Amino acid sequence: SNEELFSIMEKTLQLLEMGFSECQISTAFDMCGGCHSVFAICLSIYIPLLNRLCSILFFQYYTSSNMQIKMEDSSLRDLPPDFFHLKTEEECDSAPPVGISELLEKSKVKKPKEVRRSVPKKPKKNEFSLDPCIEPPLHHLQEESWKQFDIDEDGKPVLLPKPSRLLANAVAKRPYFFYGSTTDLPRGTWAKVSQFLYSVQPEFADSRQYSALHRIEGYVHNLPTEDRFQITPNGPMTIDEAIPNARKWKPSWDNRKHVMLHTDFDSGGGASYLCDRIGRQLAGSLSPEQQRSLVLELESKNLMWVGKNKLSPLEPENLELIMGFPVQHSRFSGFSPAERLNSLKLSFQTDTVGYHLSVLRGLFPGGVSLLSFFTGLGAAEVALHRLGIRLRCLVSMEPREAMRGVVKRWWKESGQGGELVQVEGVEKLSGEKLEGMCRKYSGFDLVVFQNPWRGGDGFAFDVFMEFVRVFQRLRCAME
């Protein structure tokens, strides 16, 4: 159940903060299950390790006259009764492989003497936590992500300087993860996503800074934020640059600069009727109030000028250019213009996501191996290609046949030299198959998850948990 998943992930986060590795935590859950307390899970990890340490200490005691162990030492009083049980060689071999120096350091610094639920504390102003009983982890933003925007005089969001990030080494490492959503998720949903991804706070980007699209995209990732750069050459930054033919027909009172993707696209009879009605309205004189009202309607329906007092719905080719895709990228047999437009609407804007992925070029100069969940039209892949980052391999999980066809055609036409593996869905990816891919490709450098649209608040929790499960399994396999 979801409640059990929340409990397991909460305990996992607490254990990670104590310094345990993901493999140790996974082994402990396999041994004693997820229903036990954090203290009990800690014991299941520590007792085998302490038994090994004790064996070594006793060996040194009998072989060195300088080694003395005082049983009255306070650090030994609270050990379990079987602490000094010497395990057999077979038992020792089954214990997790930990170096002696690492073991001594953990037993000295990170030994959890007692784990208990503290009295709920009032969260600090910049603290981002779903459960107030959980202490804030080491990996956090120095500034609150929700305050990355200010409001200008027109009531529009303006990007503030990017806050610095302090991520623990256990989090900011390969494989990197990148979760993104192009829909307006509630703050509580972002909190849920953050909690299951090492409590890394979300980062928000205004696409107007990179393109002719007006939209806020949200990401949760563990990539570095320093040394980012924009894709060059950059795409059109305004509607006039994206659709130059419309400029000569556009009246002076139409001050639109960016496309806004509010509603589903309709390229059928409804859109034609609306264009005809507005065209008849334009034949007469309009008051300033009518002009402002009409601009809002044109903006909400994404209607573009194609002649004098003549309008037409936004074409897929126009939106492809605005989103940073090649022309005809979304074209596929049986895919209607409205379906193409709606697929583009749910995709990342490639210049925007590319800016956040640009650090990968310095991290992996030889190219990246990519595991992609709900690839869609392949926006992250196209962005990496535009950044000049070679895709050594792409394992794409996408249930829709049309989307797989689009990505497969782009892979071939763009001259990718790596290997493309397409999987119909995450449920088709077994643990054995994932581990086999890890061995074949020497692990993955980046895991991308684009939130699929499910209606409502736009968040598919069950699918997201599958992503978390697979990512945890992947990290454990790559340890």
Foldseek 3Di string as FASTA:
>chain_A
DVVLVLQQLLLVLVVVLLPDALLLQVVLCVVPNSPDDSVVSLCVQVLLVLLVVLVVLVVCVVVDVVRDDDCVPPLNPPDDPCSPPRDDPVSNVPHDDDDPVRSVVSSVPRRPPDDDQDDQDDDDPQAQAPGSSDDGGQWEWPHRQVPQWDADPVRDTDGDPDTATGGDPSQQAPQKEKEKFQFDFDPVVQSVLCSLRSNQHKHWDACLVQFQAGGIMIMGINYHPPPFDFFPPGFHNFLCRLCVQLVVQDDPLLPGTHAYADDQADQDDVQVVVQVVQLVVVVDDDDNVRSVVVNVVCRHHVWTGDHHSGIHHDFLQSLCRRLVHPGCLLDDPPQDRSNSVVLSSGDHSLRGVLRVVLVVCVVCVPAFAEEEAQCRSPSPVSSCVSSVGAHQEYEYAHQDPSSVVSVVVCCVVVPRPHYYHYHNHLVRCDLVNLLVVCVVVVAGRYYYYYQQADPDSRHDVVRVVSVSVSVSSRVSSND
